Amino acid sequence: MTNDSTMSKLAARRAIGGLTLIELMVALAIGMFLMIGAITVFMQGRTTFRITESVSRLQENARFVLDALEPDIRMAQHWGLTNVNTNILGRVGSTGIPAGIPTTCGATWVHDFERSVAATNGSSPWPWGGTCVACPSTVCPAGATAVAGADTLIVRRASAEPVLAGRTANTLYIQSNRSDKSQLFVGATLPGSPDPATSQPYRLIVNGYYVATDNSSTASITGDTVPSLRMKTLVDGGTIADREIMPFVEDFQVQFGIDTSAPGTAGRGTIDRFVNPGDAILTNATFIANEGQIIAVRIWVRLRAERRENGFTDPTVYQYAGVSFDPASPDDQFRRAVVSRTIYLRNANLR
């Protein structure tokens, strides 16, 4: 009876006893392997997420820049009821030039309608003169200037819709006429000519795009200078403001698609070739005599990611628009993207 009781107690103790040291070590080893695997999967997922987020943000920023520029460029040389530059009085070289035209970016920056699109090829100041590219301290960080080697582009046009009411003082408008002379004027009062019964007032729009070495708002994110695509724009009240379009834009390049065929010939209205801004053909006597036209603008934009990626090296050498950029020299661990778009000018005078 005593032996049976003792055996029962020993069996009960064994049933409730803990793990042996060997069993505990095996369990810890298995647990460590599982933990290492879980951490590895987590880190790989986190890295994949950050890469995907960085690439997606690059693509999103690129789409935003292209979508912001395209409508403006497409509408170049739209003067309301006409697309004939020489029919507008008050432009550079004509009569009827009104007082009150802003000259911050040069005496002819605003009303040089003969060049509804104009650009420079990797240099500043812009071809219309003045010191417009320099950022005023009120809107740009101290020391921000135009990026060397990046192109600049200016677009001149009229608003898409007439301003039949609510015109403001000092703002520039075009009283546009379909078949006769139009008139550039300033302020709310319509000019006496052309006849208001056969014409309509449109607001003058002038935008100049360039890349600045710094930006207004996001330098603190990365702890270094952040280049940005900016524009000089003619605003209500007759002043020129400097506005940021998108930070993290490093380069902006432009080419013009030109039509060299004379009016009435078979090739009129098609692009013969693309040329850089400042190409000699744009001022060639034959090109001018044939009423050669810029009928498309091709743009390239190079953007970088908002943050560095430790260990990332970009092996791509970006070659576009005559530019060769190697991000591996020096390796700054930023992802980059180059996007391009060709934009046809819907108001090119292709008669």
Foldseek 3Di string as FASTA:
>chain_A
DVVVVVVVVVVVCVVPDDDDPVVVVVVVVVVVVVVVVVVVVVVVVVVVVVVVVQVVVQVVQVVLVCVVPQVQQQAFQAQDLASDLVLEALAPPHHQNEPLADAQAHPRQQRNSVCQKAKDQQDDDTPRDHDVQDDDVVFFPPPKGFDGRAMKMKHKYWDPDFCQDDAAASFWKWFDANPHHIYIDGGDDDDVPDDNVRTTITGIKMKMKTKIQAHRPQCVLAVHGWIFIWIWIQDRNNDTDIGTSGIQWDHKAKKFFKQQAAAPDPRFPDGPDIDGGPPPLVVDPSSVVSVMWRFKMKMKIKGKGSYADPPDFDQDFDDDPNDTHHCVVPPPRIDMDMDMDMHTHPSIPRD
